[in-house]
Protein backbone atom coordinates (compact mmCIF):
# COMPACT_ATOMS: atom_id res chain seq x y z
CA MET A 1 1.53 -14.29 -24.23
CA PRO A 2 5.01 -14.02 -22.53
CA THR A 3 5.02 -13.82 -18.85
CA ALA A 4 5.39 -10.07 -17.90
CA HIS A 5 5.60 -10.18 -14.48
CA ARG A 6 7.55 -13.08 -12.75
CA VAL A 7 6.87 -12.93 -9.07
CA VAL A 8 9.25 -14.85 -6.85
CA ILE A 9 7.98 -15.54 -3.31
CA ALA A 10 10.65 -16.88 -0.72
CA VAL A 11 9.39 -19.75 1.57
CA PHE A 12 10.92 -21.14 4.56
CA PRO A 13 9.83 -22.93 7.84
CA ASP A 14 6.97 -21.46 9.73
CA VAL A 15 6.84 -18.55 7.03
CA ASP A 16 3.43 -16.59 7.92
CA LEU A 17 0.76 -18.49 5.47
CA LEU A 18 -1.18 -15.27 4.58
CA ASP A 19 2.05 -13.34 3.83
CA VAL A 20 2.63 -15.83 0.93
CA THR A 21 -1.13 -16.62 -0.39
CA GLY A 22 -2.43 -13.18 0.28
CA PRO A 23 -0.28 -11.69 -2.53
CA ALA A 24 -0.37 -14.93 -4.80
CA GLU A 25 -4.39 -14.18 -4.66
CA VAL A 26 -4.25 -10.60 -5.53
CA PHE A 27 -1.56 -11.34 -8.54
CA ALA A 28 -4.13 -14.26 -9.84
CA LEU A 29 -6.95 -12.27 -9.61
CA ALA A 30 -5.47 -9.29 -11.67
CA ASN A 31 -4.84 -12.21 -14.22
CA ARG A 32 -8.57 -12.97 -14.38
CA GLU A 33 -9.71 -9.58 -14.18
CA THR A 34 -7.43 -8.77 -17.14
CA ALA A 35 -8.14 -12.21 -19.06
CA GLY A 36 -4.64 -13.03 -18.59
CA ARG A 37 -2.98 -10.03 -20.20
CA ALA A 38 -1.64 -8.80 -16.78
CA GLY A 39 0.85 -11.76 -17.24
CA TYR A 40 1.65 -12.59 -13.64
CA GLU A 41 3.45 -15.58 -12.95
CA VAL A 42 4.00 -16.55 -9.47
CA ARG A 43 6.44 -19.28 -8.23
CA LEU A 44 7.43 -20.16 -4.63
CA ALA A 45 11.03 -20.95 -3.89
CA GLY A 46 12.68 -22.43 -0.95
CA ALA A 47 15.97 -23.47 0.13
CA ALA A 48 14.67 -27.19 -1.64
CA PRO A 49 11.95 -28.20 -3.92
CA GLY A 50 9.26 -30.00 -1.64
CA PRO A 51 6.86 -29.36 1.22
CA VAL A 52 7.40 -26.07 3.63
CA ARG A 53 5.11 -26.10 6.79
CA THR A 54 3.53 -23.00 7.59
CA SER A 55 3.14 -20.92 10.83
CA ALA A 56 -0.64 -22.09 10.25
CA GLY A 57 0.20 -25.91 9.87
CA VAL A 58 -0.71 -25.86 6.18
CA ARG A 59 2.16 -26.85 3.94
CA LEU A 60 3.01 -25.21 0.77
CA LEU A 61 4.90 -26.87 -2.10
CA THR A 62 7.93 -24.83 -3.38
CA ASP A 63 8.23 -24.59 -6.95
CA VAL A 64 12.04 -24.23 -7.30
CA ALA A 65 14.90 -24.14 -5.05
CA PHE A 66 16.60 -20.87 -4.35
CA GLY A 67 19.98 -21.81 -6.20
CA ASP A 68 17.66 -22.64 -9.58
CA VAL A 69 15.55 -19.48 -9.54
CA GLY A 70 17.99 -17.62 -11.76
CA ALA A 71 18.09 -13.70 -12.52
CA GLN A 72 14.91 -13.56 -14.20
CA VAL A 73 12.92 -12.16 -11.11
CA ASP A 74 10.54 -8.89 -12.13
CA THR A 75 9.17 -9.11 -8.48
CA LEU A 76 11.11 -10.86 -5.51
CA LEU A 77 8.53 -10.96 -2.52
CA VAL A 78 9.90 -11.60 0.84
CA PRO A 79 7.31 -12.96 3.82
CA GLY A 80 8.46 -13.15 7.26
CA ALA A 81 7.81 -15.40 10.05
CA VAL A 82 8.09 -14.83 14.16
CA ASP A 83 9.14 -16.69 17.15
CA MET A 84 7.48 -16.07 20.32
CA ALA A 85 9.67 -14.92 23.37
CA GLU A 86 8.44 -13.70 26.78
CA GLU A 87 8.77 -10.11 25.68
CA GLY A 88 6.57 -10.74 22.71
CA PRO A 89 7.25 -11.79 18.93
CA VAL A 90 10.59 -11.76 17.63
CA ALA A 91 11.23 -11.67 14.00
CA ARG A 92 13.02 -15.01 12.47
CA ILE A 93 16.02 -14.45 10.41
CA ASP A 94 16.44 -17.59 8.27
CA GLU A 95 19.84 -17.66 6.81
CA ASP A 96 19.09 -19.23 3.42
CA VAL A 97 16.70 -16.41 2.44
CA VAL A 98 18.73 -13.59 3.24
CA ALA A 99 21.80 -14.94 1.39
CA TRP A 100 19.36 -15.62 -1.69
CA VAL A 101 17.77 -12.31 -1.26
CA ARG A 102 21.23 -10.63 -1.20
CA GLU A 103 22.23 -12.43 -4.19
CA THR A 104 19.09 -12.10 -6.36
CA ALA A 105 17.79 -8.42 -5.29
CA PRO A 106 20.46 -6.81 -7.93
CA HIS A 107 18.88 -8.71 -10.63
CA ALA A 108 15.03 -8.16 -9.68
CA ARG A 109 13.14 -5.19 -10.93
CA ARG A 110 11.64 -4.48 -7.42
CA VAL A 111 11.80 -6.09 -3.89
CA ALA A 112 9.11 -6.09 -1.54
CA SER A 113 8.94 -7.50 1.87
CA VAL A 114 5.84 -8.46 3.80
CA CYS A 115 5.10 -8.01 7.33
CA VAL A 116 8.39 -8.96 9.05
CA GLY A 117 9.79 -9.80 6.05
CA ALA A 118 11.55 -6.57 6.49
CA HIS A 119 14.02 -7.72 8.87
CA LEU A 120 15.19 -10.34 6.13
CA LEU A 121 15.51 -7.37 3.73
CA ALA A 122 17.38 -5.49 6.36
CA ALA A 123 19.89 -8.69 6.99
CA ALA A 124 20.61 -8.70 3.51
CA GLY A 125 21.66 -5.04 3.77
CA LEU A 126 18.88 -3.78 1.45
CA LEU A 127 17.43 -1.01 3.91
CA ASP A 128 20.54 0.49 4.94
CA GLY A 129 20.06 4.36 4.64
CA ARG A 130 16.34 3.91 3.90
CA THR A 131 12.89 4.63 5.57
CA ALA A 132 11.12 0.91 6.28
CA THR A 133 8.05 -0.32 7.63
CA THR A 134 7.21 -3.66 9.28
CA HIS A 135 4.43 -5.23 11.97
CA TRP A 136 3.97 -2.85 14.73
CA SER A 137 4.85 -5.70 16.89
CA THR A 138 8.45 -6.03 15.51
CA ALA A 139 8.99 -2.55 14.75
CA ALA A 140 11.26 -1.78 17.78
CA GLN A 141 13.46 -4.65 17.39
CA LEU A 142 13.79 -3.77 13.72
CA ALA A 143 15.34 -0.56 14.96
CA ALA A 144 17.50 -1.71 17.36
CA ASP A 145 19.12 -4.75 15.30
CA HIS A 146 19.54 -1.94 12.37
CA PRO A 147 20.30 1.10 13.57
CA GLY A 148 21.05 2.67 9.71
CA VAL A 149 17.58 1.89 9.12
CA THR A 150 14.79 4.28 9.56
CA VAL A 151 11.58 2.36 10.96
CA ASP A 152 8.23 4.16 10.78
CA PRO A 153 5.53 1.40 12.17
CA ASP A 154 2.86 3.69 10.76
CA PRO A 155 2.50 3.40 7.11
CA ILE A 156 0.68 0.64 5.52
CA PHE A 157 3.51 0.31 3.23
CA VAL A 158 6.61 2.48 2.47
CA ARG A 159 7.76 2.81 -1.04
CA THR A 160 11.59 4.07 -1.41
CA ASP A 161 14.46 3.58 -3.88
CA ARG A 162 12.45 5.37 -6.77
CA GLY A 163 9.88 2.67 -6.34
CA ARG A 164 12.11 -0.35 -6.67
CA LEU A 165 12.07 -1.28 -2.88
CA TRP A 166 8.87 -1.75 -0.92
CA THR A 167 8.22 -2.77 2.92
CA GLY A 168 4.82 -3.39 3.89
CA ALA A 169 3.17 -3.69 7.42
CA GLY A 170 1.74 -6.64 9.48
CA ILE A 171 -0.36 -9.68 8.11
CA SER A 172 -3.44 -8.40 6.35
CA ALA A 173 -1.62 -5.23 4.70
CA CYS A 174 -0.08 -7.63 2.38
CA LEU A 175 -3.30 -7.54 0.37
CA ASP A 176 -2.64 -3.63 0.30
CA LEU A 177 0.90 -3.80 -0.82
CA ALA A 178 -0.01 -6.54 -3.49
CA LEU A 179 -2.71 -4.01 -4.79
CA ALA A 180 -0.43 -1.06 -4.92
CA LEU A 181 2.09 -3.28 -6.82
CA VAL A 182 -0.62 -4.14 -9.34
CA ALA A 183 -1.73 -0.58 -9.56
CA GLU A 184 1.66 0.46 -10.37
CA ASP A 185 1.76 -2.33 -13.05
CA LEU A 186 -1.64 -2.02 -14.49
CA GLY A 187 -3.19 1.01 -13.21
CA GLU A 188 -5.82 1.74 -10.49
CA GLN A 189 -8.70 0.79 -12.32
CA THR A 190 -7.44 -2.86 -12.54
CA ALA A 191 -6.37 -2.66 -9.02
CA LEU A 192 -9.69 -1.63 -7.99
CA ALA A 193 -11.15 -4.37 -9.89
CA VAL A 194 -9.22 -6.87 -8.49
CA ALA A 195 -9.96 -5.22 -4.70
CA ARG A 196 -13.75 -5.37 -5.52
CA GLN A 197 -13.27 -9.33 -6.01
CA LEU A 198 -11.90 -9.38 -2.49
CA VAL A 199 -14.54 -7.32 -1.17
CA MET A 200 -11.99 -4.79 0.64
CA TYR A 201 -10.84 -1.18 -0.18
CA LEU A 202 -8.25 -0.38 -2.52
CA LYS A 203 -6.67 1.75 0.03
CA ARG A 204 -7.74 1.23 3.70
CA GLN A 205 -8.20 4.11 6.34
CA GLY A 206 -4.93 5.02 8.26
CA GLY A 207 -1.74 4.70 7.75
CA GLN A 208 -0.01 7.58 5.96
CA SER A 209 -0.43 7.46 2.33
CA GLN A 210 -3.04 4.46 2.09
CA PHE A 211 -5.81 6.94 3.54
CA SER A 212 -8.51 6.90 0.98
CA VAL A 213 -11.62 9.13 1.35
CA PRO A 214 -13.72 8.07 -1.20
CA LEU A 215 -13.28 4.39 -0.84
CA SER A 216 -12.22 4.05 2.84
CA ARG A 217 -15.97 5.02 4.04
CA PRO A 218 -18.56 2.45 3.82
CA ALA A 219 -21.01 2.54 0.90
CA ALA A 220 -23.96 4.95 1.25
CA GLY A 221 -27.51 3.21 1.22
CA ARG A 222 -28.27 5.65 -1.31
CA ARG A 223 -26.42 4.75 -4.88
CA GLU A 224 -26.37 8.08 -6.07
CA ILE A 225 -24.49 9.36 -2.84
CA ASP A 226 -21.93 6.60 -3.64
CA ASP A 227 -21.86 8.10 -7.39
CA LEU A 228 -21.37 11.62 -5.93
CA ARG A 229 -18.56 10.79 -3.71
CA LEU A 230 -16.62 9.16 -7.07
CA TRP A 231 -17.51 12.36 -8.85
CA ILE A 232 -15.99 14.50 -6.15
CA ALA A 233 -12.85 12.40 -6.26
CA ASP A 234 -12.55 12.93 -9.83
CA HIS A 235 -13.40 16.44 -10.37
CA PRO A 236 -11.49 18.33 -6.98
CA ASP A 237 -11.09 21.43 -8.80
CA ALA A 238 -14.58 21.83 -9.80
CA ASP A 239 -17.12 23.93 -7.92
CA LEU A 240 -17.78 21.51 -4.87
CA SER A 241 -19.61 23.95 -2.83
CA ALA A 242 -23.11 22.61 -1.00
CA PRO A 243 -25.22 24.39 -3.33
CA ALA A 244 -23.44 23.20 -6.45
CA LEU A 245 -23.49 19.54 -5.22
CA ALA A 246 -27.24 19.79 -4.15
CA ALA A 247 -28.18 21.21 -7.66
CA ARG A 248 -25.88 18.14 -9.25
CA MET A 249 -28.33 15.59 -6.97
CA CYS A 250 -31.74 17.64 -7.94
CA LEU A 251 -32.10 18.40 -4.45
CA SER A 252 -32.62 21.39 -2.33
CA GLU A 253 -29.34 22.56 -0.40
CA ARG A 254 -31.00 21.96 2.72
CA HIS A 255 -32.30 18.56 1.93
CA PHE A 256 -29.27 17.40 0.17
CA ALA A 257 -27.14 18.31 3.55
CA ARG A 258 -29.48 16.38 5.71
CA VAL A 259 -29.39 13.07 3.24
CA PHE A 260 -25.56 13.70 2.77
CA LYS A 261 -24.52 13.57 6.26
CA GLN A 262 -27.05 10.78 7.15
CA GLU A 263 -25.43 8.63 4.34
CA THR A 264 -21.47 9.60 5.04
CA GLY A 265 -21.59 10.97 8.78
CA THR A 266 -20.03 14.23 7.64
CA SER A 267 -21.04 17.51 5.91
CA PRO A 268 -20.39 17.94 2.33
CA ALA A 269 -17.86 21.08 3.26
CA ALA A 270 -15.80 18.60 5.36
CA TYR A 271 -16.10 15.69 3.05
CA VAL A 272 -14.97 17.85 -0.04
CA GLU A 273 -11.84 19.34 2.03
CA ALA A 274 -10.96 15.51 3.13
CA VAL A 275 -10.76 14.56 -0.46
CA ARG A 276 -8.95 17.65 -1.49
CA VAL A 277 -6.27 17.30 1.58
CA GLU A 278 -5.84 13.41 0.24
CA LEU A 279 -4.81 14.56 -3.32
CA ALA A 280 -2.69 17.48 -1.57
CA ARG A 281 -0.99 14.57 0.49
CA ARG A 282 -0.34 12.43 -2.47
CA LEU A 283 1.18 15.11 -4.79
CA LEU A 284 3.06 16.39 -1.70
CA GLU A 285 4.71 12.47 -1.43
CA THR A 286 4.95 11.97 -5.11
CA THR A 287 6.15 15.18 -6.80
CA ASP A 288 8.02 18.21 -5.99
CA HIS A 289 5.28 20.68 -7.22
CA PRO A 290 5.61 23.95 -5.34
CA LEU A 291 2.75 24.57 -2.81
CA ASP A 292 0.84 26.72 -4.86
CA ARG A 293 0.57 24.36 -7.53
CA VAL A 294 -0.43 21.41 -5.60
CA ALA A 295 -3.25 23.55 -3.83
CA ALA A 296 -4.57 24.58 -7.28
CA THR A 297 -4.52 20.96 -8.36
CA ALA A 298 -6.18 19.72 -5.31
CA GLY A 299 -8.96 22.37 -5.66
CA LEU A 300 -7.75 24.14 -2.67
CA GLY A 301 -7.11 27.20 -4.58
CA SER A 302 -4.16 28.87 -2.74
CA ALA A 303 -1.05 27.98 -0.52
CA GLU A 304 -2.77 29.75 2.19
CA THR A 305 -5.81 27.81 1.98
CA LEU A 306 -3.55 24.49 1.72
CA HIS A 307 -2.03 25.40 5.03
CA ARG A 308 -5.20 25.90 6.84
CA ALA A 309 -6.71 22.70 5.55
CA PHE A 310 -3.67 20.57 6.53
CA ARG A 311 -3.90 22.49 10.04
CA ARG A 312 -7.38 21.09 10.50
CA GLN A 313 -7.29 17.70 8.75
CA LEU A 314 -3.84 16.63 9.78
CA ALA A 315 -2.47 18.90 12.73
CA THR A 316 0.75 19.45 10.74
CA THR A 317 2.12 21.87 7.96
CA PRO A 318 2.38 20.92 4.06
CA ALA A 319 5.96 21.49 4.18
CA ALA A 320 6.44 19.06 7.11
CA TYR A 321 4.33 16.48 5.79
CA ARG A 322 6.49 16.37 2.55
CA ARG A 323 9.57 16.25 4.87
CA ARG A 324 8.35 13.23 6.69
CA PHE A 325 6.63 11.41 3.79
CA ARG A 326 8.52 12.06 0.46
CA THR A 327 10.10 8.62 0.21
CA GLN A 328 9.74 7.83 -3.38
CA THR A 329 13.27 9.31 -4.49
CA ALA A 330 15.03 8.03 -1.12
């Protein structure tokens, strides 16, 4: 079948190896999990065809020179590299990559940077007036070098320009970003299947929108508790009171509460609230729904309950959270 997603990854001397091979592995696994229907074709592009030495000393072999890539690019992926200075890591700016990104980005469906690759996107002028993230160790450098960019070092990734432009956090976060791209292309079930093959969470704990309550906690020793956690995530507006959940487990309320806390480290009520707040966060990040609709969809009932839950879980208000993290249409 024709290739649906042509992914071109820039490589250059001393590029971080995982920044290149991590996303490539995610896309390869997506092809495998869908028996090839995902349609990902990954190509490495460099200043010239041939071997490129990475920061790990391992050599990569480019498939094509920058000048021969052409305009048929679905996803343009830009990894990074650092030089060590007395003050710490300094993002390397490869002028060949910057020039190629500047020329090629307008033709790509989407552009994503991995780790300090955000510095290359910024140098190409793609991040002006937008919010971006990068590895925490070079976030101050990115902000100083490019005052027109709003740098947020906390998120695992930032999606902006109506989903066309992505920047990812440091090193292993390349896997999180690539999984998010797969989820956007093929749905979360396929991305979850890939995450399981990688033996990692689809959405890791911490870092703004990538916190996922049911997937970030360690697996329970009892399979039925894991099944219940997934059911809770799928039915946030159901009756999730302790008595209802205990009845679903065919346990007494007291025994259920004891088993649930033993397996998850938290009470049923606290867990349910965390799940509902997570859903509310996603709705605030990705929609313009009024607060009462967000609250109802997330199973929190009313805007007042939504406010109280946000104060407890995040020490902020829903409106303040939306102002800070509503980046999808930036």
